[in-house]
Amino acid sequence: MSAFPQGTVHEAADDVQAALRADPQVYALWGGLTPLGRNEFLCWIDDAKQPKTRLRRIERTKEELQEGKKRPCCWAGCIHRTDKAPGKWQQAVLIDQKRR
């Protein structure tokens, strides 16, 4: 089996890989994303706190890829990247909120 295209910071867990590989069209779309684009989807999926939400986000990722999206809809962006500082909105909403 070929190496699975990963993100810049996040790596796809087995459940994500299986779901995306299951549909050749979706897998091709996934492979066509930039590493940063894949990273955004993986961060969004990994951020889910409940298994049910994680499954829903995996399915939504497949749908959004088929809709031609390059990043997850309504996601502020990965806060785990070390190549750039989080934006003000990310800091206020995603980082500071988690410290509470």
Foldseek 3Di string as FASTA:
>chain_A
DDDQQAAPPDGDDPVLVCLQVVDVVSSVLLVVADSQLRVQLRQVLVPDPDPVVNVVSSVVSSVVSVVVDSHDPPGQGDCPDPVDHRDPVCCVPPPVVVVD
